[in-house]
Amino acid sequence: MYLNQDCIRDCLKFIESDLAFGHFLHLSDFLESDNLNGYSEQDIKYTLMKLSETNFLHSTPTIIENNLIAFSTGMLTWNGHKFLDTIRDPEVWSKTKKVTNHLESVSISLLSEIGSKVITNMIDKNL
């Protein structure tokens, strides 16, 4: 299964914007969100499973027979916020994707590194 980079970013943005402190988002919240309606159920489920593995979320996935059947998250972790802060800006995200488009595979850590370099270049141009 392919890990959709745009879905990663949009899921993190959805969590940050729609999750109130002390509350939880559940799988149905992601599947029914207008912010994520451009993605298939399979893309969303797979992305949530992988985000949970990266420790970007304080989450509880329930997986049976390689299928995410339940999911809840209470917040982004420090690393989740750090990654999202790097790629949140649409211009930074666009330039980051432009750098990586010709590559067959790009890790989340590489996306973060490239995003940081894009931001640094943007800052240097404005100094």
C-alpha atoms as a PDB file:
ATOM      1  CA  MET A   1       0.000   0.000   0.000  1.00  0.00           C
ATOM      2  CA  TYR A   2       1.211   3.490  -0.876  1.00  0.00           C
ATOM      3  CA  LEU A   3       1.528   6.056   1.936  1.00  0.00           C
ATOM      4  CA  ASN A   4      -0.064   9.253   0.654  1.00  0.00           C
ATOM      5  CA  GLN A   5       2.024  12.256   1.764  1.00  0.00           C
ATOM      6  CA  ASP A   6      -0.842  14.706   1.268  1.00  0.00           C
ATOM      7  CA  CYS A   7      -3.089  12.524   3.415  1.00  0.00           C
ATOM      8  CA  ILE A   8      -0.449  12.534   6.171  1.00  0.00           C
ATOM      9  CA  ARG A   9      -0.350  16.326   6.167  1.00  0.00           C
ATOM     10  CA  ASP A  10      -4.128  16.709   5.991  1.00  0.00           C
ATOM     11  CA  CYS A  11      -4.751  14.203   8.814  1.00  0.00           C
ATOM     12  CA  LEU A  12      -2.293  16.044  11.055  1.00  0.00           C
ATOM     13  CA  LYS A  13      -3.883  19.392  10.185  1.00  0.00           C
ATOM     14  CA  PHE A  14      -7.346  17.951  10.893  1.00  0.00           C
ATOM     15  CA  ILE A  15      -6.254  16.689  14.306  1.00  0.00           C
ATOM     16  CA  GLU A  16      -4.659  19.999  15.198  1.00  0.00           C
ATOM     17  CA  SER A  17      -7.646  22.087  14.115  1.00  0.00           C
ATOM     18  CA  ASP A  18     -10.544  19.876  15.229  1.00  0.00           C
ATOM     19  CA  LEU A  19      -9.319  18.280  18.444  1.00  0.00           C
ATOM     20  CA  ALA A  20     -10.088  20.160  21.649  1.00  0.00           C
ATOM     21  CA  PHE A  21      -7.747  19.596  24.569  1.00  0.00           C
ATOM     22  CA  GLY A  22      -9.019  16.788  26.795  1.00  0.00           C
ATOM     23  CA  HIS A  23     -11.167  15.259  24.042  1.00  0.00           C
ATOM     24  CA  PHE A  24     -10.636  12.523  21.475  1.00  0.00           C
ATOM     25  CA  LEU A  25     -11.113  12.040  17.760  1.00  0.00           C
ATOM     26  CA  HIS A  26     -12.249   8.625  16.576  1.00  0.00           C
ATOM     27  CA  LEU A  27     -11.987   6.790  13.282  1.00  0.00           C
ATOM     28  CA  SER A  28     -15.465   7.907  12.243  1.00  0.00           C
ATOM     29  CA  ASP A  29     -14.452  11.568  12.733  1.00  0.00           C
ATOM     30  CA  PHE A  30     -11.680  11.135  10.167  1.00  0.00           C
ATOM     31  CA  LEU A  31     -13.814   9.164   7.717  1.00  0.00           C
ATOM     32  CA  GLU A  32     -16.655  11.712   7.878  1.00  0.00           C
ATOM     33  CA  SER A  33     -14.506  14.863   7.810  1.00  0.00           C
ATOM     34  CA  ASP A  34     -14.992  17.289   4.933  1.00  0.00           C
ATOM     35  CA  ASN A  35     -11.272  18.099   5.282  1.00  0.00           C
ATOM     36  CA  LEU A  36     -10.406  14.528   4.280  1.00  0.00           C
ATOM     37  CA  ASN A  37     -13.159  13.761   1.764  1.00  0.00           C
ATOM     38  CA  GLY A  38     -10.660  13.627  -1.111  1.00  0.00           C
ATOM     39  CA  TYR A  39      -9.111  10.465   0.292  1.00  0.00           C
ATOM     40  CA  SER A  40     -10.397   6.927   0.257  1.00  0.00           C
ATOM     41  CA  GLU A  41     -11.271   5.143   3.487  1.00  0.00           C
ATOM     42  CA  GLN A  42      -8.302   2.865   2.855  1.00  0.00           C
ATOM     43  CA  ASP A  43      -5.909   5.844   2.508  1.00  0.00           C
ATOM     44  CA  ILE A  44      -7.153   7.406   5.743  1.00  0.00           C
ATOM     45  CA  LYS A  45      -6.972   4.171   7.708  1.00  0.00           C
ATOM     46  CA  TYR A  46      -3.494   3.340   6.447  1.00  0.00           C
ATOM     47  CA  THR A  47      -2.268   6.870   7.158  1.00  0.00           C
ATOM     48  CA  LEU A  48      -3.610   6.763  10.717  1.00  0.00           C
ATOM     49  CA  MET A  49      -1.943   3.402  11.303  1.00  0.00           C
ATOM     50  CA  LYS A  50       1.388   4.750  10.084  1.00  0.00           C
ATOM     51  CA  LEU A  51       1.088   8.025  12.009  1.00  0.00           C
ATOM     52  CA  SER A  52       0.497   5.983  15.132  1.00  0.00           C
ATOM     53  CA  GLU A  53       3.651   3.950  14.390  1.00  0.00           C
ATOM     54  CA  THR A  54       5.742   7.121  13.960  1.00  0.00           C
ATOM     55  CA  ASN A  55       4.750   8.344  17.414  1.00  0.00           C
ATOM     56  CA  PHE A  56       3.360  11.543  15.907  1.00  0.00           C
ATOM     57  CA  LEU A  57       0.104  10.911  17.794  1.00  0.00           C
ATOM     58  CA  HIS A  58      -1.018   9.815  21.223  1.00  0.00           C
ATOM     59  CA  SER A  59      -3.366   7.232  19.773  1.00  0.00           C
ATOM     60  CA  THR A  60      -4.949   3.846  20.214  1.00  0.00           C
ATOM     61  CA  PRO A  61      -5.390   1.865  17.014  1.00  0.00           C
ATOM     62  CA  THR A  62      -7.275  -1.426  16.989  1.00  0.00           C
ATOM     63  CA  ILE A  63      -6.166  -3.614  14.103  1.00  0.00           C
ATOM     64  CA  ILE A  64      -7.753  -6.958  13.291  1.00  0.00           C
ATOM     65  CA  GLU A  65      -6.635  -9.035  10.325  1.00  0.00           C
ATOM     66  CA  ASN A  66      -4.542  -6.136   9.025  1.00  0.00           C
ATOM     67  CA  ASN A  67      -7.528  -3.771   9.044  1.00  0.00           C
ATOM     68  CA  LEU A  68      -7.955  -0.702  11.242  1.00  0.00           C
ATOM     69  CA  ILE A  69     -11.351  -1.190  12.853  1.00  0.00           C
ATOM     70  CA  ALA A  70     -11.128   1.423  15.618  1.00  0.00           C
ATOM     71  CA  PHE A  71      -8.922   4.405  16.276  1.00  0.00           C
ATOM     72  CA  SER A  72      -8.803   7.249  18.752  1.00  0.00           C
ATOM     73  CA  THR A  73      -6.333  10.035  19.334  1.00  0.00           C
ATOM     74  CA  GLY A  74      -6.134  12.628  22.042  1.00  0.00           C
ATOM     75  CA  MET A  75      -3.376  14.838  20.683  1.00  0.00           C
ATOM     76  CA  LEU A  76      -0.314  15.240  18.526  1.00  0.00           C
ATOM     77  CA  THR A  77       3.001  14.441  20.165  1.00  0.00           C
ATOM     78  CA  TRP A  78       5.886  16.900  20.260  1.00  0.00           C
ATOM     79  CA  ASN A  79       7.309  15.228  17.136  1.00  0.00           C
ATOM     80  CA  GLY A  80       3.920  15.382  15.428  1.00  0.00           C
ATOM     81  CA  HIS A  81       3.700  19.132  16.042  1.00  0.00           C
ATOM     82  CA  LYS A  82       7.297  19.590  14.941  1.00  0.00           C
ATOM     83  CA  PHE A  83       6.679  17.762  11.661  1.00  0.00           C
ATOM     84  CA  LEU A  84       3.419  19.602  10.976  1.00  0.00           C
ATOM     85  CA  ASP A  85       4.997  22.963  11.784  1.00  0.00           C
ATOM     86  CA  THR A  86       7.632  22.213   9.162  1.00  0.00           C
ATOM     87  CA  ILE A  87       5.198  21.361   6.344  1.00  0.00           C
ATOM     88  CA  ARG A  88       2.043  23.300   7.262  1.00  0.00           C
ATOM     89  CA  ASP A  89       2.602  26.370   5.069  1.00  0.00           C
ATOM     90  CA  PRO A  90       1.151  25.707   1.595  1.00  0.00           C
ATOM     91  CA  GLU A  91       4.127  27.318  -0.155  1.00  0.00           C
ATOM     92  CA  VAL A  92       6.617  25.266   1.860  1.00  0.00           C
ATOM     93  CA  TRP A  93       4.605  22.102   1.186  1.00  0.00           C
ATOM     94  CA  SER A  94       4.413  22.827  -2.534  1.00  0.00           C
ATOM     95  CA  LYS A  95       8.160  23.439  -2.788  1.00  0.00           C
ATOM     96  CA  THR A  96       8.928  20.378  -0.662  1.00  0.00           C
ATOM     97  CA  LYS A  97       6.804  18.173  -2.914  1.00  0.00           C
ATOM     98  CA  LYS A  98       8.397  19.719  -6.007  1.00  0.00           C
ATOM     99  CA  VAL A  99      11.834  18.667  -4.719  1.00  0.00           C
ATOM    100  CA  THR A 100      10.634  15.117  -4.005  1.00  0.00           C
ATOM    101  CA  ASN A 101       8.314  14.513  -6.981  1.00  0.00           C
ATOM    102  CA  HIS A 102      10.988  12.838  -9.082  1.00  0.00           C
ATOM    103  CA  LEU A 103      11.913  10.406  -6.289  1.00  0.00           C
ATOM    104  CA  GLU A 104      10.237   7.032  -6.096  1.00  0.00           C
ATOM    105  CA  SER A 105      10.130   6.962  -2.310  1.00  0.00           C
ATOM    106  CA  VAL A 106      10.539   9.635   0.333  1.00  0.00           C
ATOM    107  CA  SER A 107      10.499   9.020   4.082  1.00  0.00           C
ATOM    108  CA  ILE A 108       8.655  11.240   6.516  1.00  0.00           C
ATOM    109  CA  SER A 109      11.973  12.248   8.081  1.00  0.00           C
ATOM    110  CA  LEU A 110      13.293  13.270   4.650  1.00  0.00           C
ATOM    111  CA  LEU A 111      10.133  15.311   4.006  1.00  0.00           C
ATOM    112  CA  SER A 112      10.763  17.116   7.279  1.00  0.00           C
ATOM    113  CA  GLU A 113      14.415  17.726   6.426  1.00  0.00           C
ATOM    114  CA  ILE A 114      13.595  19.073   2.971  1.00  0.00           C
ATOM    115  CA  GLY A 115      10.772  21.210   4.390  1.00  0.00           C
ATOM    116  CA  SER A 116      13.221  22.697   6.889  1.00  0.00           C
ATOM    117  CA  LYS A 117      15.655  23.530   4.087  1.00  0.00           C
ATOM    118  CA  VAL A 118      12.861  25.119   2.057  1.00  0.00           C
ATOM    119  CA  ILE A 119      11.958  27.300   5.057  1.00  0.00           C
ATOM    120  CA  THR A 120      15.609  28.243   5.590  1.00  0.00           C
ATOM    121  CA  ASN A 121      15.940  29.232   1.912  1.00  0.00           C
ATOM    122  CA  MET A 122      12.765  31.321   2.135  1.00  0.00           C
ATOM    123  CA  ILE A 123      14.093  33.089   5.241  1.00  0.00           C
ATOM    124  CA  ASP A 124      17.515  33.703   3.634  1.00  0.00           C
ATOM    125  CA  LYS A 125      15.836  35.328   0.625  1.00  0.00           C
ATOM    126  CA  ASN A 126      13.992  37.733   2.919  1.00  0.00           C
ATOM    127  CA  LEU A 127      17.035  38.823   4.921  1.00  0.00           C
END
